[in-house]
Amino acid sequence: MNKLTLLQKLINAQEKLQKLSKINRKLRRKNSDLKVRFETTASTDSMTGLYNKAYFMSQVDYHLNLLRRMVHNAKPKKKLDHVSIVFFDLDGFGVLNKGNQIAGDNLLIEFSHFLSKHTRKSDVLARVGGDEFCILLPETTFEQAEQFVINIQNLLSVATFGFNGKQINLEASHGVAST
């Protein structure tokens, strides 16, 4: 084999290596995109775009474990953080949804947007059931969570939502739990 043939083979091998490297970079990007999409799909409610129950519960566990560590390591006069959970259940939604599920789904989406507008970035808002929503409020006492609920209920009392071509008012029952 002469030097020219060997050089040509080396150049061809180098070109193939560059092509393979380029394909590898594309595949890594695609894999990364798919991983993000998978993680998003696994943690969000497909209809509302809010977090789902599984993700919400993982965040509750995380925050409670964080508080346990803080209590375990606390100095006698150190102020500890609080975590609160607020639960909303739309009143009468089953009757509305039974008549027109598409309109009911749109109502859930609108209510999700309503709650999203009135929560902090640090809060974890999730749809945990058909018409049930939970909000994890880090660094929030029971009293602050109760005030948050009062504010939401006041805003909800004057808000209107589109349903089946009409504007309707929604009411929601709620519960609050705090550490």
C-alpha atoms as a PDB file:
ATOM      1  CA  MET A   1       0.000   0.000   0.000  1.00  0.00           C
ATOM      2  CA  ASN A   2       1.498   3.272  -1.023  1.00  0.00           C
ATOM      3  CA  LYS A   3       1.518   6.476   1.001  1.00  0.00           C
ATOM      4  CA  LEU A   4      -1.168   8.115  -1.159  1.00  0.00           C
ATOM      5  CA  THR A   5      -3.636   5.264  -0.629  1.00  0.00           C
ATOM      6  CA  LEU A   6      -2.932   5.241   3.094  1.00  0.00           C
ATOM      7  CA  LEU A   7      -3.445   8.999   3.273  1.00  0.00           C
ATOM      8  CA  GLN A   8      -6.751   8.693   1.373  1.00  0.00           C
ATOM      9  CA  LYS A   9      -7.967   5.995   3.791  1.00  0.00           C
ATOM     10  CA  LEU A  10      -6.997   8.165   6.745  1.00  0.00           C
ATOM     11  CA  ILE A  11      -8.897  11.153   5.293  1.00  0.00           C
ATOM     12  CA  ASN A  12     -11.966   8.955   4.638  1.00  0.00           C
ATOM     13  CA  ALA A  13     -11.828   7.599   8.181  1.00  0.00           C
ATOM     14  CA  GLN A  14     -11.542  11.129   9.562  1.00  0.00           C
ATOM     15  CA  GLU A  15     -14.557  12.291   7.498  1.00  0.00           C
ATOM     16  CA  LYS A  16     -16.597   9.305   8.733  1.00  0.00           C
ATOM     17  CA  LEU A  17     -15.568  10.091  12.305  1.00  0.00           C
ATOM     18  CA  GLN A  18     -16.694  13.705  11.897  1.00  0.00           C
ATOM     19  CA  LYS A  19     -20.060  12.551  10.493  1.00  0.00           C
ATOM     20  CA  LEU A  20     -20.501  10.098  13.364  1.00  0.00           C
ATOM     21  CA  SER A  21     -19.586  12.798  15.869  1.00  0.00           C
ATOM     22  CA  LYS A  22     -22.179  15.130  14.339  1.00  0.00           C
ATOM     23  CA  ILE A  23     -24.838  12.367  14.468  1.00  0.00           C
ATOM     24  CA  ASN A  24     -23.866  11.645  18.075  1.00  0.00           C
ATOM     25  CA  ARG A  25     -24.350  15.323  19.054  1.00  0.00           C
ATOM     26  CA  LYS A  26     -27.792  15.352  17.386  1.00  0.00           C
ATOM     27  CA  LEU A  27     -28.776  12.156  19.201  1.00  0.00           C
ATOM     28  CA  ARG A  28     -27.631  13.561  22.557  1.00  0.00           C
ATOM     29  CA  ARG A  29     -29.702  16.713  21.989  1.00  0.00           C
ATOM     30  CA  LYS A  30     -32.720  14.638  20.980  1.00  0.00           C
ATOM     31  CA  ASN A  31     -32.234  12.393  24.004  1.00  0.00           C
ATOM     32  CA  SER A  32     -32.022  15.429  26.280  1.00  0.00           C
ATOM     33  CA  ASP A  33     -35.212  16.863  24.740  1.00  0.00           C
ATOM     34  CA  LEU A  34     -37.008  13.533  25.191  1.00  0.00           C
ATOM     35  CA  LYS A  35     -35.855  13.322  28.812  1.00  0.00           C
ATOM     36  CA  VAL A  36     -37.251  16.791  29.535  1.00  0.00           C
ATOM     37  CA  ARG A  37     -40.503  15.899  27.770  1.00  0.00           C
ATOM     38  CA  PHE A  38     -40.762  12.630  29.708  1.00  0.00           C
ATOM     39  CA  GLU A  39     -40.126  14.352  33.045  1.00  0.00           C
ATOM     40  CA  THR A  40     -42.702  17.017  32.208  1.00  0.00           C
ATOM     41  CA  THR A  41     -45.254  14.418  31.152  1.00  0.00           C
ATOM     42  CA  ALA A  42     -44.622  12.373  34.292  1.00  0.00           C
ATOM     43  CA  SER A  43     -45.115  15.345  36.612  1.00  0.00           C
ATOM     44  CA  THR A  44     -47.909  17.375  35.019  1.00  0.00           C
ATOM     45  CA  ASP A  45     -51.616  17.030  34.461  1.00  0.00           C
ATOM     46  CA  SER A  46     -52.116  16.810  30.710  1.00  0.00           C
ATOM     47  CA  MET A  47     -55.342  18.829  30.672  1.00  0.00           C
ATOM     48  CA  THR A  48     -54.502  21.775  32.916  1.00  0.00           C
ATOM     49  CA  GLY A  49     -50.724  21.871  32.686  1.00  0.00           C
ATOM     50  CA  LEU A  50     -50.527  22.005  36.488  1.00  0.00           C
ATOM     51  CA  TYR A  51     -48.466  19.557  38.468  1.00  0.00           C
ATOM     52  CA  ASN A  52     -50.118  16.188  39.084  1.00  0.00           C
ATOM     53  CA  LYS A  53     -50.789  14.378  42.356  1.00  0.00           C
ATOM     54  CA  ALA A  54     -47.617  12.268  42.227  1.00  0.00           C
ATOM     55  CA  TYR A  55     -45.386  15.320  41.802  1.00  0.00           C
ATOM     56  CA  PHE A  56     -47.309  17.219  44.470  1.00  0.00           C
ATOM     57  CA  MET A  57     -46.858  14.392  46.967  1.00  0.00           C
ATOM     58  CA  SER A  58     -43.133  14.223  46.212  1.00  0.00           C
ATOM     59  CA  GLN A  59     -42.885  17.943  46.988  1.00  0.00           C
ATOM     60  CA  VAL A  60     -44.841  17.498  50.234  1.00  0.00           C
ATOM     61  CA  ASP A  61     -42.401  14.730  51.244  1.00  0.00           C
ATOM     62  CA  TYR A  62     -39.426  16.905  50.327  1.00  0.00           C
ATOM     63  CA  HIS A  63     -40.635  19.889  52.373  1.00  0.00           C
ATOM     64  CA  LEU A  64     -41.628  17.769  55.370  1.00  0.00           C
ATOM     65  CA  ASN A  65     -38.234  16.040  55.375  1.00  0.00           C
ATOM     66  CA  LEU A  66     -36.579  19.442  55.186  1.00  0.00           C
ATOM     67  CA  LEU A  67     -38.583  20.568  58.222  1.00  0.00           C
ATOM     68  CA  ARG A  68     -37.718  17.363  60.117  1.00  0.00           C
ATOM     69  CA  ARG A  69     -34.025  18.057  59.551  1.00  0.00           C
ATOM     70  CA  MET A  70     -34.480  21.641  60.700  1.00  0.00           C
ATOM     71  CA  VAL A  71     -36.263  20.488  63.884  1.00  0.00           C
ATOM     72  CA  HIS A  72     -33.592  17.865  64.536  1.00  0.00           C
ATOM     73  CA  ASN A  73     -30.756  20.373  64.069  1.00  0.00           C
ATOM     74  CA  ALA A  74     -32.530  23.380  65.626  1.00  0.00           C
ATOM     75  CA  LYS A  75     -30.995  25.443  68.356  1.00  0.00           C
ATOM     76  CA  PRO A  76     -33.363  26.221  71.231  1.00  0.00           C
ATOM     77  CA  LYS A  77     -34.365  29.750  70.150  1.00  0.00           C
ATOM     78  CA  LYS A  78     -34.144  29.335  66.391  1.00  0.00           C
ATOM     79  CA  LYS A  79     -37.337  30.147  64.489  1.00  0.00           C
ATOM     80  CA  LEU A  80     -38.458  27.247  62.313  1.00  0.00           C
ATOM     81  CA  ASP A  81     -40.158  27.565  58.949  1.00  0.00           C
ATOM     82  CA  HIS A  82     -43.684  26.396  58.330  1.00  0.00           C
ATOM     83  CA  VAL A  83     -45.334  24.651  55.426  1.00  0.00           C
ATOM     84  CA  SER A  84     -49.044  24.814  54.664  1.00  0.00           C
ATOM     85  CA  ILE A  85     -51.254  22.915  52.277  1.00  0.00           C
ATOM     86  CA  VAL A  86     -54.496  24.311  50.881  1.00  0.00           C
ATOM     87  CA  PHE A  87     -57.100  22.072  49.286  1.00  0.00           C
ATOM     88  CA  PHE A  88     -59.867  23.299  46.946  1.00  0.00           C
ATOM     89  CA  ASP A  89     -62.797  21.243  45.675  1.00  0.00           C
ATOM     90  CA  LEU A  90     -65.123  22.868  43.132  1.00  0.00           C
ATOM     91  CA  ASP A  91     -68.703  22.826  44.417  1.00  0.00           C
ATOM     92  CA  GLY A  92     -71.311  21.367  42.075  1.00  0.00           C
ATOM     93  CA  PHE A  93     -68.789  20.550  39.371  1.00  0.00           C
ATOM     94  CA  GLY A  94     -70.052  16.994  38.922  1.00  0.00           C
ATOM     95  CA  VAL A  95     -73.471  18.266  37.850  1.00  0.00           C
ATOM     96  CA  LEU A  96     -71.939  20.766  35.411  1.00  0.00           C
ATOM     97  CA  ASN A  97     -69.523  18.225  33.975  1.00  0.00           C
ATOM     98  CA  LYS A  98     -72.176  15.545  33.543  1.00  0.00           C
ATOM     99  CA  GLY A  99     -74.062  17.708  31.071  1.00  0.00           C
ATOM    100  CA  ASN A 100     -71.085  18.677  28.919  1.00  0.00           C
ATOM    101  CA  GLN A 101     -67.639  17.228  29.586  1.00  0.00           C
ATOM    102  CA  ILE A 102     -65.853  19.421  27.040  1.00  0.00           C
ATOM    103  CA  ALA A 103     -67.225  22.550  28.696  1.00  0.00           C
ATOM    104  CA  GLY A 104     -66.327  21.016  32.069  1.00  0.00           C
ATOM    105  CA  ASP A 105     -62.752  20.432  30.940  1.00  0.00           C
ATOM    106  CA  ASN A 106     -62.511  24.038  29.739  1.00  0.00           C
ATOM    107  CA  LEU A 107     -63.845  25.191  33.108  1.00  0.00           C
ATOM    108  CA  LEU A 108     -61.122  23.207  34.903  1.00  0.00           C
ATOM    109  CA  ILE A 109     -58.506  24.795  32.652  1.00  0.00           C
ATOM    110  CA  GLU A 110     -59.867  28.289  33.371  1.00  0.00           C
ATOM    111  CA  PHE A 111     -59.933  27.596  37.112  1.00  0.00           C
ATOM    112  CA  SER A 112     -56.340  26.346  36.894  1.00  0.00           C
ATOM    113  CA  HIS A 113     -55.320  29.628  35.234  1.00  0.00           C
ATOM    114  CA  PHE A 114     -57.197  31.537  37.938  1.00  0.00           C
ATOM    115  CA  LEU A 115     -55.288  29.745  40.710  1.00  0.00           C
ATOM    116  CA  SER A 116     -51.989  30.113  38.855  1.00  0.00           C
ATOM    117  CA  LYS A 117     -52.445  33.883  38.695  1.00  0.00           C
ATOM    118  CA  HIS A 118     -52.900  34.082  42.466  1.00  0.00           C
ATOM    119  CA  THR A 119     -50.074  31.870  43.694  1.00  0.00           C
ATOM    120  CA  ARG A 120     -46.416  32.623  44.239  1.00  0.00           C
ATOM    121  CA  LYS A 121     -43.641  31.113  42.138  1.00  0.00           C
ATOM    122  CA  SER A 122     -42.461  29.190  45.206  1.00  0.00           C
ATOM    123  CA  ASP A 123     -45.903  27.579  45.693  1.00  0.00           C
ATOM    124  CA  VAL A 124     -46.622  24.149  44.238  1.00  0.00           C
ATOM    125  CA  LEU A 125     -50.030  24.106  42.545  1.00  0.00           C
ATOM    126  CA  ALA A 126     -51.439  20.746  41.480  1.00  0.00           C
ATOM    127  CA  ARG A 127     -54.587  19.136  40.196  1.00  0.00           C
ATOM    128  CA  VAL A 128     -54.916  16.092  42.440  1.00  0.00           C
ATOM    129  CA  GLY A 129     -58.309  14.788  41.337  1.00  0.00           C
ATOM    130  CA  GLY A 130     -61.149  15.504  38.936  1.00  0.00           C
ATOM    131  CA  ASP A 131     -62.071  18.899  40.357  1.00  0.00           C
ATOM    132  CA  GLU A 132     -59.678  18.932  43.292  1.00  0.00           C
ATOM    133  CA  PHE A 133     -56.641  21.167  43.578  1.00  0.00           C
ATOM    134  CA  CYS A 134     -53.899  21.448  46.199  1.00  0.00           C
ATOM    135  CA  ILE A 135     -51.408  24.188  46.806  1.00  0.00           C
ATOM    136  CA  LEU A 136     -48.258  23.664  48.843  1.00  0.00           C
ATOM    137  CA  LEU A 137     -47.304  26.956  50.466  1.00  0.00           C
ATOM    138  CA  PRO A 138     -43.686  26.874  51.708  1.00  0.00           C
ATOM    139  CA  GLU A 139     -42.737  29.214  54.544  1.00  0.00           C
ATOM    140  CA  THR A 140     -46.399  29.877  55.299  1.00  0.00           C
ATOM    141  CA  THR A 141     -48.049  29.627  58.721  1.00  0.00           C
ATOM    142  CA  PHE A 142     -51.599  28.406  59.266  1.00  0.00           C
ATOM    143  CA  GLU A 143     -52.790  31.996  59.732  1.00  0.00           C
ATOM    144  CA  GLN A 144     -51.119  33.110  56.512  1.00  0.00           C
ATOM    145  CA  ALA A 145     -52.609  30.131  54.662  1.00  0.00           C
ATOM    146  CA  GLU A 146     -56.069  30.985  56.017  1.00  0.00           C
ATOM    147  CA  GLN A 147     -55.619  34.573  54.793  1.00  0.00           C
ATOM    148  CA  PHE A 148     -54.526  33.237  51.407  1.00  0.00           C
ATOM    149  CA  VAL A 149     -57.737  31.158  51.225  1.00  0.00           C
ATOM    150  CA  ILE A 150     -59.875  34.161  52.208  1.00  0.00           C
ATOM    151  CA  ASN A 151     -58.237  36.187  49.421  1.00  0.00           C
ATOM    152  CA  ILE A 152     -58.796  33.396  46.873  1.00  0.00           C
ATOM    153  CA  GLN A 153     -62.430  32.976  47.965  1.00  0.00           C
ATOM    154  CA  ASN A 154     -63.014  36.739  47.704  1.00  0.00           C
ATOM    155  CA  LEU A 155     -61.498  36.831  44.217  1.00  0.00           C
ATOM    156  CA  LEU A 156     -63.446  33.722  43.233  1.00  0.00           C
ATOM    157  CA  SER A 157     -66.733  35.280  44.381  1.00  0.00           C
ATOM    158  CA  VAL A 158     -66.428  38.033  41.756  1.00  0.00           C
ATOM    159  CA  ALA A 159     -64.743  36.010  39.001  1.00  0.00           C
ATOM    160  CA  THR A 160     -66.697  34.595  36.090  1.00  0.00           C
ATOM    161  CA  PHE A 161     -65.793  31.559  34.041  1.00  0.00           C
ATOM    162  CA  GLY A 162     -66.892  30.521  30.583  1.00  0.00           C
ATOM    163  CA  PHE A 163     -69.110  27.452  30.541  1.00  0.00           C
ATOM    164  CA  ASN A 164     -71.087  26.212  27.574  1.00  0.00           C
ATOM    165  CA  GLY A 165     -71.241  29.675  26.011  1.00  0.00           C
ATOM    166  CA  LYS A 166     -72.302  31.381  29.264  1.00  0.00           C
ATOM    167  CA  GLN A 167     -70.462  33.113  32.060  1.00  0.00           C
ATOM    168  CA  ILE A 168     -70.882  31.423  35.441  1.00  0.00           C
ATOM    169  CA  ASN A 169     -69.586  31.874  38.968  1.00  0.00           C
ATOM    170  CA  LEU A 170     -67.766  29.084  40.762  1.00  0.00           C
ATOM    171  CA  GLU A 171     -67.647  28.214  44.423  1.00  0.00           C
ATOM    172  CA  ALA A 172     -65.068  25.997  46.068  1.00  0.00           C
ATOM    173  CA  SER A 173     -64.875  24.256  49.392  1.00  0.00           C
ATOM    174  CA  HIS A 174     -61.460  24.345  50.996  1.00  0.00           C
ATOM    175  CA  GLY A 175     -59.287  22.953  53.729  1.00  0.00           C
ATOM    176  CA  VAL A 176     -56.010  24.090  55.264  1.00  0.00           C
ATOM    177  CA  ALA A 177     -53.294  22.121  57.038  1.00  0.00           C
ATOM    178  CA  SER A 178     -50.023  23.473  58.425  1.00  0.00           C
ATOM    179  CA  THR A 179     -46.941  22.374  60.277  1.00  0.00           C
END
